[in-house]
Amino acid sequence: MSTNASTILVVEDDSIVRMLIVDVLEELEFNVLEADGGEQALEILNEDNQHIDLMMTDVGLPGMDGRELAIEARKLRPALPILFASGYAENIDVPEGMHLIGKPFSIDQLRDKVKGILGN
């Protein structure tokens, strides 16, 4: 784990997809936190000493969906950049300060999107 690397919270209910995303981000030398849904993500976001630079969430989460999660996350961390992943990218209005990547995405697309958001 690199000390000056950005930390990304990945929220994805499909464990295989989540593992793939985490693997890619770790290969790119990001620190990665994982959550399997909104409740677990909010627990992580509630930890005051846990630095998070970006939350990447699937839109179609069971229970609390990605958009509802984003609203709650912004209450806790108003400046948190949020990247939505969706298989229906063209149908989604992304709120101000939030970003979107269509599924399926390539490793290169994910890398470019994340680096673009984080400005490195």
N, C-alpha and C. Protein backbone atom coordinates (compact mmCIF):
# COMPACT_ATOMS: atom_id res chain seq x y z
N MET A 1 0.84 -1.19 0.00
CA MET A 1 0.00 0.00 0.00
C MET A 1 0.88 1.25 0.00
N SER A 2 0.68 2.07 -0.98
CA SER A 2 1.51 3.27 -1.11
C SER A 2 0.94 4.39 -0.24
N THR A 3 1.80 5.12 0.42
CA THR A 3 1.31 6.13 1.35
C THR A 3 0.73 7.34 0.65
N ASN A 4 1.27 7.72 -0.50
CA ASN A 4 0.75 8.91 -1.16
C ASN A 4 -0.18 8.57 -2.33
N ALA A 5 -0.54 7.31 -2.44
CA ALA A 5 -1.47 6.91 -3.49
C ALA A 5 -2.88 7.35 -3.12
N SER A 6 -3.69 7.58 -4.13
CA SER A 6 -5.10 7.90 -3.89
C SER A 6 -5.84 6.65 -3.41
N THR A 7 -6.83 6.87 -2.58
CA THR A 7 -7.64 5.77 -2.05
C THR A 7 -9.01 5.79 -2.71
N ILE A 8 -9.41 4.65 -3.24
CA ILE A 8 -10.67 4.53 -3.96
C ILE A 8 -11.56 3.51 -3.25
N LEU A 9 -12.79 3.91 -2.99
CA LEU A 9 -13.79 3.00 -2.42
C LEU A 9 -14.61 2.43 -3.57
N VAL A 10 -14.56 1.11 -3.73
CA VAL A 10 -15.28 0.44 -4.81
C VAL A 10 -16.52 -0.23 -4.22
N VAL A 11 -17.69 0.16 -4.74
CA VAL A 11 -18.96 -0.40 -4.26
C VAL A 11 -19.60 -1.18 -5.41
N GLU A 12 -19.67 -2.48 -5.24
CA GLU A 12 -20.16 -3.36 -6.32
C GLU A 12 -20.67 -4.63 -5.66
N ASP A 13 -21.94 -5.00 -5.93
CA ASP A 13 -22.52 -6.16 -5.27
C ASP A 13 -22.08 -7.48 -5.90
N ASP A 14 -21.64 -7.45 -7.14
CA ASP A 14 -21.15 -8.67 -7.80
C ASP A 14 -19.69 -8.88 -7.42
N SER A 15 -19.45 -9.93 -6.63
CA SER A 15 -18.11 -10.10 -6.06
C SER A 15 -17.04 -10.32 -7.12
N ILE A 16 -17.40 -10.95 -8.23
CA ILE A 16 -16.41 -11.19 -9.29
C ILE A 16 -16.04 -9.88 -9.98
N VAL A 17 -17.06 -9.10 -10.31
CA VAL A 17 -16.81 -7.80 -10.93
C VAL A 17 -16.00 -6.91 -9.98
N ARG A 18 -16.39 -6.93 -8.70
CA ARG A 18 -15.69 -6.11 -7.71
C ARG A 18 -14.22 -6.50 -7.62
N MET A 19 -13.97 -7.81 -7.62
CA MET A 19 -12.60 -8.30 -7.54
C MET A 19 -11.77 -7.83 -8.74
N LEU A 20 -12.39 -7.88 -9.92
CA LEU A 20 -11.68 -7.45 -11.13
C LEU A 20 -11.34 -5.96 -11.06
N ILE A 21 -12.31 -5.14 -10.64
CA ILE A 21 -12.07 -3.70 -10.54
C ILE A 21 -10.97 -3.42 -9.52
N VAL A 22 -11.06 -4.09 -8.37
CA VAL A 22 -10.06 -3.90 -7.32
C VAL A 22 -8.67 -4.29 -7.83
N ASP A 23 -8.60 -5.43 -8.52
CA ASP A 23 -7.31 -5.88 -9.07
C ASP A 23 -6.72 -4.84 -10.01
N VAL A 24 -7.56 -4.30 -10.89
CA VAL A 24 -7.08 -3.31 -11.85
C VAL A 24 -6.57 -2.07 -11.12
N LEU A 25 -7.35 -1.58 -10.17
CA LEU A 25 -6.97 -0.36 -9.46
C LEU A 25 -5.71 -0.57 -8.63
N GLU A 26 -5.57 -1.75 -8.05
CA GLU A 26 -4.35 -2.03 -7.27
C GLU A 26 -3.13 -2.13 -8.19
N GLU A 27 -3.34 -2.71 -9.37
CA GLU A 27 -2.25 -2.75 -10.37
C GLU A 27 -1.79 -1.33 -10.71
N LEU A 28 -2.74 -0.40 -10.73
CA LEU A 28 -2.44 1.00 -11.03
C LEU A 28 -1.92 1.75 -9.80
N GLU A 29 -1.70 0.99 -8.72
CA GLU A 29 -1.10 1.50 -7.49
C GLU A 29 -2.01 2.45 -6.72
N PHE A 30 -3.30 2.22 -6.81
CA PHE A 30 -4.22 2.91 -5.93
C PHE A 30 -4.44 2.07 -4.68
N ASN A 31 -4.75 2.72 -3.58
CA ASN A 31 -5.23 2.00 -2.40
C ASN A 31 -6.72 1.79 -2.60
N VAL A 32 -7.20 0.58 -2.34
CA VAL A 32 -8.59 0.26 -2.63
C VAL A 32 -9.32 -0.28 -1.40
N LEU A 33 -10.50 0.28 -1.16
CA LEU A 33 -11.41 -0.23 -0.14
C LEU A 33 -12.59 -0.83 -0.87
N GLU A 34 -13.19 -1.87 -0.30
CA GLU A 34 -14.30 -2.55 -0.98
C GLU A 34 -15.55 -2.55 -0.13
N ALA A 35 -16.68 -2.40 -0.82
CA ALA A 35 -17.97 -2.56 -0.16
C ALA A 35 -18.89 -3.32 -1.10
N ASP A 36 -19.76 -4.18 -0.52
CA ASP A 36 -20.66 -4.97 -1.37
C ASP A 36 -22.01 -4.31 -1.55
N GLY A 37 -22.16 -3.10 -1.01
CA GLY A 37 -23.43 -2.40 -1.16
C GLY A 37 -23.40 -1.09 -0.40
N GLY A 38 -24.53 -0.40 -0.44
CA GLY A 38 -24.63 0.93 0.14
C GLY A 38 -24.36 0.99 1.63
N GLU A 39 -24.91 0.02 2.37
CA GLU A 39 -24.74 0.07 3.83
C GLU A 39 -23.28 -0.05 4.23
N GLN A 40 -22.61 -1.01 3.62
CA GLN A 40 -21.19 -1.21 3.94
C GLN A 40 -20.37 0.01 3.50
N ALA A 41 -20.72 0.58 2.36
CA ALA A 41 -20.01 1.76 1.88
C ALA A 41 -20.16 2.92 2.85
N LEU A 42 -21.38 3.12 3.36
CA LEU A 42 -21.62 4.23 4.29
C LEU A 42 -20.89 4.02 5.61
N GLU A 43 -20.76 2.77 6.02
CA GLU A 43 -19.96 2.50 7.23
C GLU A 43 -18.53 2.96 7.04
N ILE A 44 -17.97 2.67 5.87
CA ILE A 44 -16.59 3.07 5.58
C ILE A 44 -16.50 4.60 5.49
N LEU A 45 -17.47 5.21 4.81
CA LEU A 45 -17.47 6.67 4.65
C LEU A 45 -17.64 7.38 6.00
N ASN A 46 -18.26 6.72 6.95
CA ASN A 46 -18.48 7.29 8.28
C ASN A 46 -17.23 7.31 9.14
N GLU A 47 -16.21 6.55 8.74
CA GLU A 47 -14.98 6.50 9.53
C GLU A 47 -14.18 7.78 9.27
N ASP A 48 -14.12 8.62 10.28
CA ASP A 48 -13.50 9.95 10.12
C ASP A 48 -12.03 9.88 9.71
N ASN A 49 -11.32 8.88 10.20
CA ASN A 49 -9.88 8.82 9.92
C ASN A 49 -9.57 8.07 8.63
N GLN A 50 -10.62 7.66 7.90
CA GLN A 50 -10.40 6.92 6.63
C GLN A 50 -10.43 7.91 5.47
N HIS A 51 -9.25 8.13 4.89
CA HIS A 51 -9.17 9.05 3.75
C HIS A 51 -9.70 8.35 2.49
N ILE A 52 -10.55 9.03 1.75
CA ILE A 52 -11.07 8.48 0.48
C ILE A 52 -11.04 9.59 -0.57
N ASP A 53 -10.42 9.29 -1.70
CA ASP A 53 -10.29 10.28 -2.78
C ASP A 53 -11.40 10.15 -3.82
N LEU A 54 -11.98 8.95 -3.91
CA LEU A 54 -12.97 8.69 -4.95
C LEU A 54 -13.83 7.51 -4.53
N MET A 55 -15.13 7.61 -4.77
CA MET A 55 -15.99 6.44 -4.60
C MET A 55 -16.47 6.02 -5.98
N MET A 56 -16.23 4.77 -6.30
CA MET A 56 -16.72 4.20 -7.55
C MET A 56 -17.83 3.23 -7.19
N THR A 57 -19.04 3.50 -7.70
CA THR A 57 -20.16 2.64 -7.34
C THR A 57 -20.94 2.19 -8.55
N ASP A 58 -21.39 0.95 -8.49
CA ASP A 58 -22.33 0.46 -9.49
C ASP A 58 -23.64 1.20 -9.28
N VAL A 59 -24.33 1.54 -10.36
CA VAL A 59 -25.63 2.21 -10.22
C VAL A 59 -26.66 1.21 -9.71
N GLY A 60 -26.66 0.01 -10.25
CA GLY A 60 -27.69 -0.98 -9.94
C GLY A 60 -27.37 -1.84 -8.75
N LEU A 61 -27.26 -1.23 -7.59
CA LEU A 61 -27.04 -2.00 -6.36
C LEU A 61 -28.38 -2.46 -5.81
N PRO A 62 -28.42 -3.62 -5.15
CA PRO A 62 -29.66 -4.04 -4.50
C PRO A 62 -29.92 -3.16 -3.27
N GLY A 63 -31.17 -2.98 -2.93
CA GLY A 63 -31.49 -2.12 -1.78
C GLY A 63 -31.29 -0.67 -2.17
N MET A 64 -30.34 -0.03 -1.54
CA MET A 64 -30.01 1.35 -1.86
C MET A 64 -29.23 1.38 -3.17
N ASP A 65 -29.76 2.05 -4.19
CA ASP A 65 -29.02 2.03 -5.46
C ASP A 65 -27.87 3.05 -5.43
N GLY A 66 -27.08 3.03 -6.47
CA GLY A 66 -25.88 3.85 -6.50
C GLY A 66 -26.16 5.34 -6.36
N ARG A 67 -27.27 5.78 -6.95
CA ARG A 67 -27.59 7.20 -6.86
C ARG A 67 -27.99 7.61 -5.45
N GLU A 68 -28.78 6.76 -4.80
CA GLU A 68 -29.15 7.03 -3.40
C GLU A 68 -27.92 7.01 -2.51
N LEU A 69 -27.04 6.06 -2.78
CA LEU A 69 -25.78 5.98 -2.04
C LEU A 69 -24.97 7.25 -2.22
N ALA A 70 -24.91 7.75 -3.45
CA ALA A 70 -24.14 8.97 -3.74
C ALA A 70 -24.68 10.15 -2.93
N ILE A 71 -26.00 10.25 -2.85
CA ILE A 71 -26.62 11.36 -2.09
C ILE A 71 -26.23 11.27 -0.62
N GLU A 72 -26.30 10.05 -0.07
CA GLU A 72 -25.93 9.85 1.34
C GLU A 72 -24.43 10.10 1.55
N ALA A 73 -23.63 9.62 0.60
CA ALA A 73 -22.18 9.79 0.70
C ALA A 73 -21.81 11.27 0.72
N ARG A 74 -22.50 12.06 -0.10
CA ARG A 74 -22.21 13.49 -0.17
C ARG A 74 -22.62 14.23 1.10
N LYS A 75 -23.58 13.68 1.82
CA LYS A 75 -23.95 14.28 3.11
C LYS A 75 -22.78 14.11 4.09
N LEU A 76 -22.12 12.97 4.01
CA LEU A 76 -20.99 12.69 4.90
C LEU A 76 -19.72 13.37 4.42
N ARG A 77 -19.53 13.37 3.10
CA ARG A 77 -18.30 13.92 2.51
C ARG A 77 -18.68 14.76 1.29
N PRO A 78 -19.00 16.03 1.51
CA PRO A 78 -19.57 16.86 0.45
C PRO A 78 -18.70 17.00 -0.80
N ALA A 79 -17.39 16.88 -0.64
CA ALA A 79 -16.50 17.10 -1.79
C ALA A 79 -16.08 15.81 -2.47
N LEU A 80 -16.62 14.67 -2.03
CA LEU A 80 -16.15 13.38 -2.55
C LEU A 80 -16.51 13.20 -4.02
N PRO A 81 -15.52 12.99 -4.88
CA PRO A 81 -15.84 12.66 -6.28
C PRO A 81 -16.46 11.27 -6.35
N ILE A 82 -17.45 11.14 -7.21
CA ILE A 82 -18.15 9.85 -7.34
C ILE A 82 -18.18 9.43 -8.80
N LEU A 83 -17.81 8.18 -9.03
CA LEU A 83 -17.82 7.60 -10.38
C LEU A 83 -18.86 6.48 -10.39
N PHE A 84 -19.88 6.65 -11.23
CA PHE A 84 -20.89 5.61 -11.39
C PHE A 84 -20.47 4.67 -12.51
N ALA A 85 -20.69 3.38 -12.30
CA ALA A 85 -20.52 2.40 -13.37
C ALA A 85 -21.90 1.87 -13.71
N SER A 86 -22.23 1.89 -15.00
CA SER A 86 -23.56 1.46 -15.39
C SER A 86 -23.56 0.82 -16.76
N GLY A 87 -24.36 -0.23 -16.88
CA GLY A 87 -24.57 -0.85 -18.19
C GLY A 87 -25.55 -0.07 -19.04
N TYR A 88 -26.16 0.95 -18.44
CA TYR A 88 -27.14 1.76 -19.19
C TYR A 88 -26.70 3.22 -19.16
N ALA A 89 -25.45 3.43 -19.50
CA ALA A 89 -24.82 4.75 -19.30
C ALA A 89 -25.58 5.89 -19.96
N GLU A 90 -26.12 5.64 -21.15
CA GLU A 90 -26.74 6.74 -21.89
C GLU A 90 -28.06 7.19 -21.27
N ASN A 91 -28.60 6.41 -20.37
CA ASN A 91 -29.90 6.75 -19.78
C ASN A 91 -29.79 7.48 -18.45
N ILE A 92 -28.59 7.84 -18.07
CA ILE A 92 -28.42 8.36 -16.72
C ILE A 92 -28.01 9.82 -16.72
N ASP A 93 -28.72 10.62 -15.95
CA ASP A 93 -28.30 12.00 -15.71
C ASP A 93 -27.38 11.98 -14.51
N VAL A 94 -26.16 12.43 -14.73
CA VAL A 94 -25.20 12.40 -13.64
C VAL A 94 -25.19 13.76 -12.93
N PRO A 95 -25.40 13.76 -11.62
CA PRO A 95 -25.39 15.03 -10.89
C PRO A 95 -24.03 15.73 -10.98
N GLU A 96 -24.07 17.00 -10.69
CA GLU A 96 -22.86 17.84 -10.68
C GLU A 96 -21.75 17.20 -9.86
N GLY A 97 -20.54 17.21 -10.39
CA GLY A 97 -19.40 16.70 -9.64
C GLY A 97 -19.33 15.19 -9.59
N MET A 98 -20.18 14.53 -10.38
CA MET A 98 -20.14 13.07 -10.42
C MET A 98 -19.85 12.63 -11.86
N HIS A 99 -19.37 11.44 -12.00
CA HIS A 99 -18.87 10.96 -13.28
C HIS A 99 -19.48 9.61 -13.60
N LEU A 100 -19.33 9.20 -14.86
CA LEU A 100 -19.97 7.97 -15.30
C LEU A 100 -19.05 7.19 -16.21
N ILE A 101 -19.02 5.88 -16.03
CA ILE A 101 -18.31 5.00 -16.96
C ILE A 101 -19.29 3.89 -17.34
N GLY A 102 -19.39 3.62 -18.63
CA GLY A 102 -20.31 2.59 -19.10
C GLY A 102 -19.71 1.20 -18.94
N LYS A 103 -20.55 0.25 -18.59
CA LYS A 103 -20.11 -1.15 -18.51
C LYS A 103 -20.51 -1.85 -19.80
N PRO A 104 -19.74 -2.77 -20.31
CA PRO A 104 -18.42 -3.15 -19.78
C PRO A 104 -17.38 -2.11 -20.17
N PHE A 105 -16.40 -1.91 -19.32
CA PHE A 105 -15.32 -0.97 -19.64
C PHE A 105 -14.00 -1.72 -19.68
N SER A 106 -13.07 -1.18 -20.44
CA SER A 106 -11.74 -1.79 -20.51
C SER A 106 -10.88 -1.27 -19.37
N ILE A 107 -9.80 -1.96 -19.12
CA ILE A 107 -8.84 -1.53 -18.10
C ILE A 107 -8.35 -0.12 -18.42
N ASP A 108 -8.07 0.12 -19.70
CA ASP A 108 -7.58 1.44 -20.10
C ASP A 108 -8.62 2.52 -19.85
N GLN A 109 -9.88 2.21 -20.16
CA GLN A 109 -10.95 3.20 -19.93
C GLN A 109 -11.07 3.51 -18.45
N LEU A 110 -11.00 2.47 -17.63
CA LEU A 110 -11.11 2.67 -16.18
C LEU A 110 -9.94 3.51 -15.68
N ARG A 111 -8.75 3.17 -16.11
CA ARG A 111 -7.57 3.91 -15.68
C ARG A 111 -7.67 5.38 -16.08
N ASP A 112 -8.04 5.62 -17.35
CA ASP A 112 -8.10 7.00 -17.84
C ASP A 112 -9.18 7.79 -17.10
N LYS A 113 -10.30 7.15 -16.84
CA LYS A 113 -11.41 7.82 -16.16
C LYS A 113 -11.01 8.20 -14.74
N VAL A 114 -10.44 7.24 -14.03
CA VAL A 114 -10.06 7.48 -12.63
C VAL A 114 -8.98 8.54 -12.56
N LYS A 115 -7.98 8.43 -13.41
CA LYS A 115 -6.90 9.41 -13.38
C LYS A 115 -7.40 10.79 -13.77
N GLY A 116 -8.35 10.82 -14.71
CA GLY A 116 -8.94 12.10 -15.11
C GLY A 116 -9.68 12.77 -13.96
N ILE A 117 -10.43 11.97 -13.20
CA ILE A 117 -11.18 12.51 -12.07
C ILE A 117 -10.24 12.98 -10.98
N LEU A 118 -9.21 12.19 -10.70
CA LEU A 118 -8.30 12.52 -9.61
C LEU A 118 -7.24 13.53 -10.02
N GLY A 119 -7.19 13.82 -11.32
CA GLY A 119 -6.27 14.85 -11.80
C GLY A 119 -4.82 14.46 -11.74
N ASN A 120 -4.53 13.14 -11.95
CA ASN A 120 -3.12 12.78 -12.03
C ASN A 120 -2.90 11.91 -13.27
